[in-house]
Every structure is written in structure tokens, then in C-alpha cells.
Amino acid sequence: MPEELKFVPPDQAPPAETPIPPFIAALQAGVPGAVEQVSFWVGDWTVIVAPGRLIEVATFLRDAPACAFNYLSDLTASDWPARSDKRFDVILCLYSIGLRHRLRVKVRLADGESVPSVTGLWPAANWLEREVYDMFGVSFAGHPDLRRILMPLDWQGHPQRKDYPLEGPGELLMESPQDWLKAKQTAVEADIE
């Protein structure tokens, strides 16, 4: 594995002098044991939950008056190949319009593991989950229409994975861009002759 793929940033714990916001305290009290870790980085709060508890946590965050996260602003993923046991982070970015606070909910998954769909809670998750499925290969259990959304249906692989070949599927993986350009030029010249 190349050196640049071995780095996995830690989820920063909140500083001791930073109080936990009321919506996270309400979540920890309302759904005991669901929050595996609380992180605070550059002014943003994140809770890390197990995949099996995601729907329970998301429902509480949407419905509890202290939380009222009624807007799913984004759902995305990140790929950390160096973290072999739980390679993917699926990240839900939530916002409360009435209370004006934000929270990220992060779920860690192994390759091939699925996460429950949140389309029943936030319908806007439909296309966002399809994009994560298309780009990373993360499956969403219970999704109403889980299929590719950006790439052609017969596309091989998932382009946002860090181990995806830069040249695309079916191409030779070459370390040097010059070698790749020479191979392409040779193919073009062969077509001309």
C-alpha cells in the first residue's frame, strides 16, 4: 500500500473545556449506549454510531425536541484503506432549521457490510445514498431503488475508492503518467495506420 494511503486521521475528542452541546447530551440520554464516540474538530460536532443503531439514533435526532434535526443536508462517505477492519465512513450531515445547530453522524463499515437506509426519515437521502453506492460500493439495506446514479449501469468498480485505478477499469495501472501517455499514443498511432 502506498504511503499516502496509510494515513487515517483520528476523530478528535472535544477539548476538556468545551461543553457537550445539549442535543448530544439528549441523544446520549435518550438512546443509551448508541454513541460510540463524540468528536469535535474545527467547530463541528460528530457522533460515531454502530450501523445497527443508525435508524434508532437518526429517528431520535429528528424527533426529539432538543435535537429537531429536520434537514439532511448531505450524506457521503470516505474511504480509509489503511483501516482494514472498518474501511468506510458513511457520514450524515444534519441541520436543525428551527434550532440552528449542526451535527455529523458517522457510521464505520467494513468492505461488503451494509448500512440501513435513512430514506424513510429523510426522503432527500434517496439520491445521496445512490451516489455513495455508485462511487464507493457501500450498500444501503432497505433502500427503495438502490442502483447506479452517475456511472453507466455496466460500469466496473467504484471510482471514489482510493484503490480504484486512475486509468479506469480495464486499463493497465502504470506508476508513471508518461508511461500511460506513451501507451495511449501508441494505441492512437495504431488506429491511424
N, C-alpha and C. Protein backbone atom coordinates (compact mmCIF):
# COMPACT_ATOMS: atom_id res chain seq x y z
N MET A 1 0.85 -1.17 0.00
CA MET A 1 0.00 0.00 0.00
C MET A 1 0.90 1.24 0.00
N PRO A 2 0.64 2.19 -0.91
CA PRO A 2 1.46 3.41 -0.93
C PRO A 2 1.35 4.17 0.39
N GLU A 3 2.39 4.91 0.71
CA GLU A 3 2.45 5.65 1.98
C GLU A 3 1.27 6.59 2.18
N GLU A 4 0.84 7.26 1.10
CA GLU A 4 -0.24 8.25 1.25
C GLU A 4 -1.57 7.59 1.61
N LEU A 5 -1.71 6.27 1.38
CA LEU A 5 -2.94 5.58 1.74
C LEU A 5 -2.90 5.00 3.15
N LYS A 6 -1.76 5.08 3.82
CA LYS A 6 -1.64 4.51 5.16
C LYS A 6 -2.12 5.45 6.25
N PHE A 7 -2.33 6.71 5.93
CA PHE A 7 -2.74 7.70 6.92
C PHE A 7 -4.24 7.65 7.18
N VAL A 8 -4.62 7.56 8.42
CA VAL A 8 -6.02 7.64 8.82
C VAL A 8 -6.11 8.70 9.91
N PRO A 9 -6.78 9.82 9.65
CA PRO A 9 -6.85 10.88 10.67
C PRO A 9 -7.70 10.42 11.85
N PRO A 10 -7.29 10.78 13.04
CA PRO A 10 -8.09 10.40 14.21
C PRO A 10 -9.33 11.29 14.33
N ASP A 11 -10.36 10.75 14.94
CA ASP A 11 -11.53 11.56 15.28
C ASP A 11 -11.22 12.24 16.61
N GLN A 12 -11.01 13.57 16.54
CA GLN A 12 -10.56 14.33 17.70
C GLN A 12 -11.61 14.37 18.80
N ALA A 13 -11.20 14.07 20.01
CA ALA A 13 -12.10 14.22 21.17
C ALA A 13 -12.26 15.70 21.46
N PRO A 14 -13.41 16.09 22.01
CA PRO A 14 -13.58 17.52 22.33
C PRO A 14 -12.60 17.94 23.43
N PRO A 15 -12.10 19.17 23.37
CA PRO A 15 -11.23 19.66 24.45
C PRO A 15 -11.98 19.62 25.78
N ALA A 16 -11.24 19.45 26.86
CA ALA A 16 -11.85 19.33 28.18
C ALA A 16 -12.70 20.54 28.55
N GLU A 17 -12.31 21.71 28.08
CA GLU A 17 -13.04 22.94 28.44
C GLU A 17 -14.27 23.19 27.55
N THR A 18 -14.48 22.36 26.52
CA THR A 18 -15.61 22.54 25.62
C THR A 18 -16.78 21.68 26.09
N PRO A 19 -17.88 22.30 26.46
CA PRO A 19 -19.02 21.50 26.94
C PRO A 19 -19.72 20.77 25.79
N ILE A 20 -20.24 19.60 26.12
CA ILE A 20 -21.01 18.82 25.14
C ILE A 20 -22.32 19.58 24.91
N PRO A 21 -22.72 19.80 23.65
CA PRO A 21 -23.97 20.53 23.39
C PRO A 21 -25.20 19.75 23.87
N PRO A 22 -26.28 20.46 24.17
CA PRO A 22 -27.49 19.80 24.69
C PRO A 22 -28.05 18.72 23.78
N PHE A 23 -27.94 18.88 22.46
CA PHE A 23 -28.51 17.85 21.57
C PHE A 23 -27.74 16.55 21.64
N ILE A 24 -26.42 16.59 21.88
CA ILE A 24 -25.65 15.35 22.04
C ILE A 24 -25.93 14.74 23.41
N ALA A 25 -26.03 15.57 24.44
CA ALA A 25 -26.39 15.05 25.77
C ALA A 25 -27.77 14.40 25.73
N ALA A 26 -28.71 15.01 25.02
CA ALA A 26 -30.05 14.42 24.90
C ALA A 26 -29.98 13.08 24.16
N LEU A 27 -29.17 12.99 23.13
CA LEU A 27 -29.02 11.74 22.39
C LEU A 27 -28.43 10.65 23.28
N GLN A 28 -27.39 11.00 24.04
CA GLN A 28 -26.76 10.01 24.91
C GLN A 28 -27.72 9.53 25.99
N ALA A 29 -28.58 10.42 26.48
CA ALA A 29 -29.56 10.02 27.50
C ALA A 29 -30.75 9.28 26.87
N GLY A 30 -31.17 9.70 25.70
CA GLY A 30 -32.36 9.12 25.06
C GLY A 30 -32.12 7.79 24.39
N VAL A 31 -30.91 7.55 23.91
CA VAL A 31 -30.56 6.29 23.26
C VAL A 31 -29.25 5.79 23.90
N PRO A 32 -29.34 5.26 25.12
CA PRO A 32 -28.13 4.89 25.87
C PRO A 32 -27.27 3.86 25.12
N GLY A 33 -25.97 4.11 25.14
CA GLY A 33 -25.02 3.18 24.54
C GLY A 33 -24.90 3.25 23.03
N ALA A 34 -25.69 4.09 22.38
CA ALA A 34 -25.66 4.16 20.92
C ALA A 34 -24.46 4.95 20.41
N VAL A 35 -24.03 5.95 21.15
CA VAL A 35 -22.91 6.80 20.72
C VAL A 35 -21.61 6.14 21.16
N GLU A 36 -20.83 5.70 20.19
CA GLU A 36 -19.54 5.07 20.48
C GLU A 36 -18.46 6.09 20.79
N GLN A 37 -18.55 7.25 20.14
CA GLN A 37 -17.53 8.29 20.32
C GLN A 37 -18.12 9.63 19.94
N VAL A 38 -17.69 10.68 20.65
CA VAL A 38 -18.04 12.06 20.31
C VAL A 38 -16.76 12.74 19.85
N SER A 39 -16.85 13.45 18.74
CA SER A 39 -15.69 14.13 18.19
C SER A 39 -16.02 15.60 17.96
N PHE A 40 -15.01 16.44 18.12
CA PHE A 40 -15.15 17.88 17.87
C PHE A 40 -13.92 18.33 17.12
N TRP A 41 -14.13 18.86 15.91
CA TRP A 41 -13.00 19.28 15.10
C TRP A 41 -13.40 20.51 14.31
N VAL A 42 -12.64 21.57 14.44
CA VAL A 42 -12.81 22.83 13.72
C VAL A 42 -14.26 23.34 13.87
N GLY A 43 -14.78 23.25 15.07
CA GLY A 43 -16.10 23.78 15.35
C GLY A 43 -17.26 22.88 14.99
N ASP A 44 -17.00 21.67 14.50
CA ASP A 44 -18.06 20.75 14.10
C ASP A 44 -18.12 19.55 15.04
N TRP A 45 -19.33 19.19 15.43
CA TRP A 45 -19.57 18.04 16.30
C TRP A 45 -19.91 16.82 15.46
N THR A 46 -19.36 15.67 15.88
CA THR A 46 -19.62 14.39 15.21
C THR A 46 -19.89 13.35 16.27
N VAL A 47 -20.90 12.50 16.01
CA VAL A 47 -21.09 11.31 16.85
C VAL A 47 -20.88 10.10 15.96
N ILE A 48 -20.20 9.10 16.49
CA ILE A 48 -19.94 7.87 15.77
C ILE A 48 -20.83 6.80 16.39
N VAL A 49 -21.61 6.15 15.52
CA VAL A 49 -22.55 5.13 15.99
C VAL A 49 -22.35 3.84 15.20
N ALA A 50 -22.79 2.73 15.77
CA ALA A 50 -22.71 1.44 15.09
C ALA A 50 -23.79 1.37 14.01
N PRO A 51 -23.53 0.63 12.93
CA PRO A 51 -24.52 0.54 11.85
C PRO A 51 -25.89 0.04 12.33
N GLY A 52 -25.89 -0.88 13.26
CA GLY A 52 -27.15 -1.44 13.75
C GLY A 52 -27.99 -0.47 14.56
N ARG A 53 -27.39 0.62 15.02
CA ARG A 53 -28.12 1.60 15.82
C ARG A 53 -28.46 2.87 15.05
N LEU A 54 -28.10 2.93 13.75
CA LEU A 54 -28.26 4.16 12.99
C LEU A 54 -29.71 4.63 12.92
N ILE A 55 -30.65 3.76 12.61
CA ILE A 55 -32.04 4.18 12.46
C ILE A 55 -32.58 4.68 13.80
N GLU A 56 -32.26 4.01 14.87
CA GLU A 56 -32.69 4.43 16.20
C GLU A 56 -32.14 5.82 16.54
N VAL A 57 -30.86 6.03 16.27
CA VAL A 57 -30.22 7.32 16.54
C VAL A 57 -30.79 8.41 15.64
N ALA A 58 -30.93 8.11 14.35
CA ALA A 58 -31.43 9.10 13.40
C ALA A 58 -32.88 9.50 13.72
N THR A 59 -33.68 8.54 14.10
CA THR A 59 -35.08 8.83 14.47
C THR A 59 -35.12 9.73 15.69
N PHE A 60 -34.29 9.44 16.69
CA PHE A 60 -34.25 10.29 17.88
C PHE A 60 -33.80 11.70 17.52
N LEU A 61 -32.75 11.81 16.72
CA LEU A 61 -32.23 13.12 16.35
C LEU A 61 -33.25 13.94 15.57
N ARG A 62 -34.06 13.29 14.77
CA ARG A 62 -35.09 14.00 14.01
C ARG A 62 -36.27 14.41 14.89
N ASP A 63 -36.72 13.51 15.79
CA ASP A 63 -37.98 13.70 16.50
C ASP A 63 -37.86 14.34 17.88
N ALA A 64 -36.74 14.22 18.55
CA ALA A 64 -36.60 14.77 19.91
C ALA A 64 -36.59 16.29 19.86
N PRO A 65 -37.38 16.96 20.71
CA PRO A 65 -37.44 18.43 20.69
C PRO A 65 -36.09 19.11 20.91
N ALA A 66 -35.21 18.50 21.70
CA ALA A 66 -33.90 19.11 21.97
C ALA A 66 -32.97 19.01 20.76
N CYS A 67 -33.29 18.13 19.83
CA CYS A 67 -32.45 17.92 18.66
C CYS A 67 -33.09 18.55 17.41
N ALA A 68 -34.23 18.05 17.02
CA ALA A 68 -35.02 18.57 15.90
C ALA A 68 -34.21 18.71 14.60
N PHE A 69 -33.41 17.68 14.29
CA PHE A 69 -32.64 17.70 13.05
C PHE A 69 -33.57 17.30 11.90
N ASN A 70 -34.25 18.29 11.36
CA ASN A 70 -35.26 18.04 10.34
C ASN A 70 -34.72 18.15 8.92
N TYR A 71 -33.45 18.38 8.75
CA TYR A 71 -32.88 18.57 7.41
C TYR A 71 -31.60 17.76 7.28
N LEU A 72 -31.59 16.83 6.34
CA LEU A 72 -30.38 16.10 5.98
C LEU A 72 -29.71 16.89 4.86
N SER A 73 -28.66 17.62 5.19
CA SER A 73 -28.02 18.47 4.19
C SER A 73 -27.09 17.70 3.27
N ASP A 74 -26.54 16.58 3.75
CA ASP A 74 -25.67 15.78 2.90
C ASP A 74 -25.54 14.39 3.49
N LEU A 75 -25.24 13.45 2.64
CA LEU A 75 -24.89 12.09 3.04
C LEU A 75 -23.79 11.67 2.09
N THR A 76 -22.64 11.32 2.65
CA THR A 76 -21.49 11.00 1.81
C THR A 76 -20.70 9.89 2.48
N ALA A 77 -19.53 9.60 1.95
CA ALA A 77 -18.67 8.57 2.52
C ALA A 77 -17.22 8.96 2.33
N SER A 78 -16.37 8.30 3.07
CA SER A 78 -14.92 8.42 2.86
C SER A 78 -14.32 7.03 2.97
N ASP A 79 -13.22 6.84 2.29
CA ASP A 79 -12.57 5.54 2.18
C ASP A 79 -11.21 5.60 2.84
N TRP A 80 -10.97 4.71 3.80
CA TRP A 80 -9.69 4.65 4.50
C TRP A 80 -9.16 3.22 4.39
N PRO A 81 -8.46 2.88 3.28
CA PRO A 81 -7.98 1.50 3.09
C PRO A 81 -7.04 1.02 4.19
N ALA A 82 -6.33 1.94 4.84
CA ALA A 82 -5.41 1.53 5.90
C ALA A 82 -6.16 1.02 7.13
N ARG A 83 -7.41 1.40 7.27
CA ARG A 83 -8.23 0.92 8.38
C ARG A 83 -8.95 -0.33 7.88
N SER A 84 -8.28 -1.46 7.90
CA SER A 84 -8.76 -2.66 7.23
C SER A 84 -10.04 -3.23 7.84
N ASP A 85 -10.26 -3.06 9.14
CA ASP A 85 -11.45 -3.65 9.75
C ASP A 85 -12.72 -2.86 9.43
N LYS A 86 -12.65 -1.56 9.41
CA LYS A 86 -13.79 -0.69 9.10
C LYS A 86 -13.33 0.36 8.10
N ARG A 87 -13.25 -0.03 6.86
CA ARG A 87 -12.63 0.79 5.81
C ARG A 87 -13.39 2.07 5.49
N PHE A 88 -14.74 2.04 5.54
CA PHE A 88 -15.54 3.17 5.09
C PHE A 88 -16.19 3.91 6.25
N ASP A 89 -16.29 5.22 6.09
CA ASP A 89 -17.11 6.07 6.96
C ASP A 89 -18.28 6.55 6.11
N VAL A 90 -19.50 6.27 6.54
CA VAL A 90 -20.68 6.87 5.93
C VAL A 90 -21.06 8.03 6.84
N ILE A 91 -21.20 9.22 6.28
CA ILE A 91 -21.37 10.44 7.07
C ILE A 91 -22.69 11.11 6.70
N LEU A 92 -23.52 11.34 7.70
CA LEU A 92 -24.77 12.08 7.54
C LEU A 92 -24.56 13.47 8.12
N CYS A 93 -24.81 14.49 7.36
CA CYS A 93 -24.70 15.87 7.84
C CYS A 93 -26.10 16.39 8.10
N LEU A 94 -26.41 16.64 9.35
CA LEU A 94 -27.75 17.04 9.76
C LEU A 94 -27.78 18.48 10.20
N TYR A 95 -28.94 19.12 10.00
CA TYR A 95 -29.12 20.51 10.40
C TYR A 95 -30.53 20.67 10.98
N SER A 96 -30.63 21.44 12.04
CA SER A 96 -31.92 21.79 12.61
C SER A 96 -32.25 23.21 12.17
N ILE A 97 -33.27 23.34 11.35
CA ILE A 97 -33.64 24.67 10.85
C ILE A 97 -34.15 25.54 11.98
N GLY A 98 -34.98 24.99 12.85
CA GLY A 98 -35.56 25.78 13.94
C GLY A 98 -34.57 26.13 15.03
N LEU A 99 -33.69 25.19 15.37
CA LEU A 99 -32.73 25.42 16.47
C LEU A 99 -31.36 25.88 15.98
N ARG A 100 -31.14 25.82 14.69
CA ARG A 100 -29.91 26.32 14.05
C ARG A 100 -28.64 25.68 14.60
N HIS A 101 -28.64 24.36 14.65
CA HIS A 101 -27.40 23.66 15.00
C HIS A 101 -27.17 22.50 14.03
N ARG A 102 -25.91 22.08 13.97
CA ARG A 102 -25.47 21.05 13.02
C ARG A 102 -24.85 19.88 13.77
N LEU A 103 -24.91 18.72 13.12
CA LEU A 103 -24.28 17.53 13.66
C LEU A 103 -23.95 16.59 12.51
N ARG A 104 -22.79 15.96 12.62
CA ARG A 104 -22.45 14.88 11.69
C ARG A 104 -22.62 13.56 12.44
N VAL A 105 -23.26 12.61 11.78
CA VAL A 105 -23.38 11.26 12.31
C VAL A 105 -22.54 10.37 11.41
N LYS A 106 -21.60 9.66 12.01
CA LYS A 106 -20.67 8.84 11.24
C LYS A 106 -20.87 7.37 11.61
N VAL A 107 -20.91 6.54 10.58
CA VAL A 107 -21.03 5.09 10.75
C VAL A 107 -19.83 4.46 10.06
N ARG A 108 -19.13 3.60 10.77
CA ARG A 108 -17.96 2.92 10.19
C ARG A 108 -18.37 1.54 9.70
N LEU A 109 -17.92 1.20 8.48
CA LEU A 109 -18.31 -0.07 7.85
C LEU A 109 -17.11 -0.79 7.27
N ALA A 110 -17.16 -2.11 7.32
CA ALA A 110 -16.18 -2.93 6.62
C ALA A 110 -16.59 -3.04 5.16
N ASP A 111 -15.66 -3.41 4.31
CA ASP A 111 -15.97 -3.60 2.90
C ASP A 111 -16.98 -4.74 2.78
N GLY A 112 -18.07 -4.51 2.07
CA GLY A 112 -19.11 -5.50 1.90
C GLY A 112 -20.22 -5.43 2.94
N GLU A 113 -20.02 -4.67 3.99
CA GLU A 113 -21.05 -4.50 5.03
C GLU A 113 -22.04 -3.43 4.58
N SER A 114 -23.31 -3.63 4.92
CA SER A 114 -24.31 -2.63 4.53
C SER A 114 -24.74 -1.81 5.73
N VAL A 115 -25.35 -0.67 5.44
CA VAL A 115 -25.85 0.24 6.46
C VAL A 115 -27.33 0.45 6.18
N PRO A 116 -28.17 0.62 7.20
CA PRO A 116 -29.59 0.85 6.94
C PRO A 116 -29.83 2.18 6.21
N SER A 117 -30.78 2.17 5.31
CA SER A 117 -31.15 3.39 4.58
C SER A 117 -31.94 4.32 5.49
N VAL A 118 -31.70 5.62 5.35
CA VAL A 118 -32.45 6.63 6.12
C VAL A 118 -33.47 7.34 5.24
N THR A 119 -33.79 6.76 4.08
CA THR A 119 -34.76 7.40 3.19
C THR A 119 -36.15 7.49 3.82
N GLY A 120 -36.47 6.61 4.75
CA GLY A 120 -37.76 6.68 5.44
C GLY A 120 -37.85 7.85 6.39
N LEU A 121 -36.70 8.36 6.83
CA LEU A 121 -36.66 9.51 7.75
C LEU A 121 -36.49 10.82 7.00
N TRP A 122 -35.57 10.82 6.05
CA TRP A 122 -35.30 12.00 5.23
C TRP A 122 -35.35 11.55 3.77
N PRO A 123 -36.42 11.82 3.05
CA PRO A 123 -36.52 11.38 1.65
C PRO A 123 -35.38 11.89 0.77
N ALA A 124 -34.77 12.99 1.14
CA ALA A 124 -33.66 13.53 0.35
C ALA A 124 -32.46 12.58 0.33
N ALA A 125 -32.43 11.61 1.23
CA ALA A 125 -31.32 10.65 1.26
C ALA A 125 -31.32 9.72 0.07
N ASN A 126 -32.43 9.63 -0.65
CA ASN A 126 -32.56 8.67 -1.75
C ASN A 126 -31.40 8.78 -2.74
N TRP A 127 -31.26 9.91 -3.37
CA TRP A 127 -30.22 10.05 -4.39
C TRP A 127 -28.82 10.11 -3.76
N LEU A 128 -28.71 10.65 -2.55
CA LEU A 128 -27.41 10.71 -1.90
C LEU A 128 -26.90 9.30 -1.60
N GLU A 129 -27.77 8.42 -1.13
CA GLU A 129 -27.36 7.05 -0.87
C GLU A 129 -27.01 6.33 -2.17
N ARG A 130 -27.74 6.62 -3.23
CA ARG A 130 -27.40 6.02 -4.53
C ARG A 130 -26.02 6.48 -5.00
N GLU A 131 -25.69 7.74 -4.75
CA GLU A 131 -24.37 8.25 -5.14
C GLU A 131 -23.27 7.55 -4.35
N VAL A 132 -23.46 7.37 -3.05
CA VAL A 132 -22.46 6.67 -2.23
C VAL A 132 -22.33 5.22 -2.72
N TYR A 133 -23.44 4.59 -3.02
CA TYR A 133 -23.40 3.23 -3.56
C TYR A 133 -22.63 3.19 -4.87
N ASP A 134 -22.89 4.12 -5.74
CA ASP A 134 -22.25 4.17 -7.06
C ASP A 134 -20.76 4.45 -6.95
N MET A 135 -20.38 5.41 -6.15
CA MET A 135 -18.99 5.86 -6.09
C MET A 135 -18.11 5.01 -5.16
N PHE A 136 -18.69 4.45 -4.07
CA PHE A 136 -17.90 3.72 -3.08
C PHE A 136 -18.25 2.23 -2.98
N GLY A 137 -19.43 1.84 -3.49
CA GLY A 137 -19.84 0.44 -3.37
C GLY A 137 -20.46 0.10 -2.03
N VAL A 138 -20.84 1.10 -1.24
CA VAL A 138 -21.48 0.87 0.05
C VAL A 138 -22.96 0.61 -0.19
N SER A 139 -23.46 -0.50 0.34
CA SER A 139 -24.85 -0.88 0.14
C SER A 139 -25.72 -0.37 1.28
N PHE A 140 -26.94 0.07 0.93
CA PHE A 140 -27.90 0.59 1.91
C PHE A 140 -29.09 -0.36 1.99
N ALA A 141 -29.21 -1.07 3.12
CA ALA A 141 -30.29 -2.03 3.31
C ALA A 141 -31.62 -1.28 3.42
N GLY A 142 -32.60 -1.73 2.66
CA GLY A 142 -33.92 -1.12 2.70
C GLY A 142 -34.09 0.07 1.79
N HIS A 143 -33.11 0.36 0.97
CA HIS A 143 -33.25 1.49 0.03
C HIS A 143 -34.28 1.13 -1.03
N PRO A 144 -35.17 2.07 -1.40
CA PRO A 144 -36.24 1.73 -2.34
C PRO A 144 -35.78 1.53 -3.79
N ASP A 145 -34.61 2.03 -4.17
CA ASP A 145 -34.19 1.94 -5.58
C ASP A 145 -32.67 2.03 -5.67
N LEU A 146 -31.97 1.07 -5.07
CA LEU A 146 -30.52 1.13 -4.99
C LEU A 146 -29.91 0.66 -6.31
N ARG A 147 -29.49 1.62 -7.12
CA ARG A 147 -28.81 1.35 -8.39
C ARG A 147 -27.90 2.54 -8.68
N ARG A 148 -27.05 2.37 -9.66
CA ARG A 148 -26.12 3.44 -10.01
C ARG A 148 -26.88 4.70 -10.40
N ILE A 149 -26.25 5.86 -10.11
CA ILE A 149 -26.88 7.13 -10.45
C ILE A 149 -25.99 8.01 -11.32
N LEU A 150 -24.67 7.86 -11.23
CA LEU A 150 -23.75 8.69 -12.01
C LEU A 150 -23.04 7.91 -13.12
N MET A 151 -22.64 6.71 -12.81
CA MET A 151 -21.89 5.91 -13.78
C MET A 151 -22.86 5.04 -14.58
N PRO A 152 -22.45 4.59 -15.78
CA PRO A 152 -23.31 3.68 -16.55
C PRO A 152 -23.59 2.40 -15.76
N LEU A 153 -24.72 1.79 -15.99
CA LEU A 153 -25.12 0.61 -15.22
C LEU A 153 -24.13 -0.54 -15.34
N ASP A 154 -23.41 -0.64 -16.45
CA ASP A 154 -22.46 -1.73 -16.63
C ASP A 154 -21.03 -1.36 -16.22
N TRP A 155 -20.85 -0.24 -15.54
CA TRP A 155 -19.52 0.21 -15.13
C TRP A 155 -18.94 -0.76 -14.12
N GLN A 156 -17.66 -1.01 -14.22
CA GLN A 156 -16.97 -1.91 -13.29
C GLN A 156 -16.29 -1.08 -12.22
N GLY A 157 -16.49 -1.43 -10.97
CA GLY A 157 -15.80 -0.78 -9.87
C GLY A 157 -16.50 0.47 -9.37
N HIS A 158 -15.84 1.12 -8.43
CA HIS A 158 -16.41 2.29 -7.75
C HIS A 158 -15.32 3.37 -7.69
N PRO A 159 -15.47 4.44 -8.49
CA PRO A 159 -14.38 5.39 -8.74
C PRO A 159 -13.88 6.20 -7.54
N GLN A 160 -14.63 6.31 -6.46
CA GLN A 160 -14.13 7.10 -5.33
C GLN A 160 -13.34 6.27 -4.32
N ARG A 161 -13.25 4.99 -4.54
CA ARG A 161 -12.39 4.18 -3.66
C ARG A 161 -10.95 4.55 -3.94
N LYS A 162 -10.16 4.61 -2.89
CA LYS A 162 -8.78 5.05 -3.06
C LYS A 162 -7.92 4.03 -3.80
N ASP A 163 -8.37 2.79 -3.92
CA ASP A 163 -7.61 1.80 -4.66
C ASP A 163 -8.11 1.63 -6.09
N TYR A 164 -9.01 2.50 -6.54
CA TYR A 164 -9.53 2.43 -7.90
C TYR A 164 -8.44 2.90 -8.87
N PRO A 165 -8.21 2.17 -9.97
CA PRO A 165 -7.14 2.57 -10.90
C PRO A 165 -7.40 3.95 -11.51
N LEU A 166 -6.39 4.77 -11.55
CA LEU A 166 -6.54 6.12 -12.09
C LEU A 166 -6.93 6.11 -13.56
N GLU A 167 -6.54 5.07 -14.27
CA GLU A 167 -6.83 4.99 -15.68
C GLU A 167 -8.24 4.44 -15.94
N GLY A 168 -8.95 4.03 -14.91
CA GLY A 168 -10.28 3.46 -15.07
C GLY A 168 -10.24 1.95 -15.15
N PRO A 169 -11.39 1.31 -15.19
CA PRO A 169 -11.43 -0.15 -15.22
C PRO A 169 -10.90 -0.69 -16.54
N GLY A 170 -10.21 -1.82 -16.44
CA GLY A 170 -9.74 -2.48 -17.65
C GLY A 170 -8.44 -1.93 -18.20
N GLU A 171 -7.95 -0.83 -17.65
CA GLU A 171 -6.70 -0.25 -18.12
C GLU A 171 -5.54 -0.80 -17.29
N LEU A 172 -4.35 -0.68 -17.84
CA LEU A 172 -3.17 -1.06 -17.09
C LEU A 172 -2.87 0.02 -16.06
N LEU A 173 -2.59 -0.40 -14.85
CA LEU A 173 -2.22 0.55 -13.81
C LEU A 173 -0.73 0.83 -13.93
N MET A 174 -0.39 2.05 -14.30
CA MET A 174 1.01 2.43 -14.50
C MET A 174 1.37 3.51 -13.50
N GLU A 175 2.56 3.38 -12.95
CA GLU A 175 3.02 4.33 -11.94
C GLU A 175 3.32 5.70 -12.53
N SER A 176 3.86 5.71 -13.73
CA SER A 176 4.31 6.96 -14.33
C SER A 176 3.26 7.49 -15.31
N PRO A 177 2.86 8.76 -15.18
CA PRO A 177 1.94 9.33 -16.17
C PRO A 177 2.51 9.33 -17.59
N GLN A 178 3.84 9.45 -17.69
CA GLN A 178 4.47 9.43 -19.02
C GLN A 178 4.28 8.07 -19.69
N ASP A 179 4.40 6.97 -18.90
CA ASP A 179 4.18 5.64 -19.46
C ASP A 179 2.76 5.50 -19.95
N TRP A 180 1.81 6.03 -19.19
CA TRP A 180 0.39 5.97 -19.57
C TRP A 180 0.16 6.74 -20.88
N LEU A 181 0.75 7.94 -20.99
CA LEU A 181 0.59 8.73 -22.20
C LEU A 181 1.22 8.04 -23.41
N LYS A 182 2.39 7.42 -23.21
CA LYS A 182 3.03 6.69 -24.30
C LYS A 182 2.15 5.53 -24.76
N ALA A 183 1.57 4.80 -23.83
CA ALA A 183 0.70 3.67 -24.19
C ALA A 183 -0.53 4.17 -24.94
N LYS A 184 -1.10 5.28 -24.53
CA LYS A 184 -2.26 5.85 -25.21
C LYS A 184 -1.88 6.32 -26.62
N GLN A 185 -0.73 6.98 -26.73
CA GLN A 185 -0.27 7.48 -28.03
C GLN A 185 -0.01 6.32 -28.98
N THR A 186 0.57 5.23 -28.47
CA THR A 186 0.82 4.06 -29.30
C THR A 186 -0.49 3.49 -29.83
N ALA A 187 -1.50 3.45 -28.98
CA ALA A 187 -2.81 2.94 -29.39
C ALA A 187 -3.44 3.84 -30.45
N VAL A 188 -3.28 5.16 -30.31
CA VAL A 188 -3.82 6.11 -31.29
C VAL A 188 -3.10 5.96 -32.62
N GLU A 189 -1.78 5.84 -32.57
CA GLU A 189 -1.00 5.68 -33.80
C GLU A 189 -1.37 4.38 -34.51
N ALA A 190 -1.63 3.32 -33.77
CA ALA A 190 -2.01 2.03 -34.36
C ALA A 190 -3.36 2.14 -35.05
N ASP A 191 -4.27 2.95 -34.50
CA ASP A 191 -5.58 3.15 -35.13
C ASP A 191 -5.46 3.94 -36.42
N ILE A 192 -4.50 4.85 -36.48
CA ILE A 192 -4.33 5.70 -37.67
C ILE A 192 -3.77 4.89 -38.82
N GLU A 193 -2.84 4.00 -38.54
CA GLU A 193 -2.16 3.23 -39.61
C GLU A 193 -3.04 2.20 -40.13
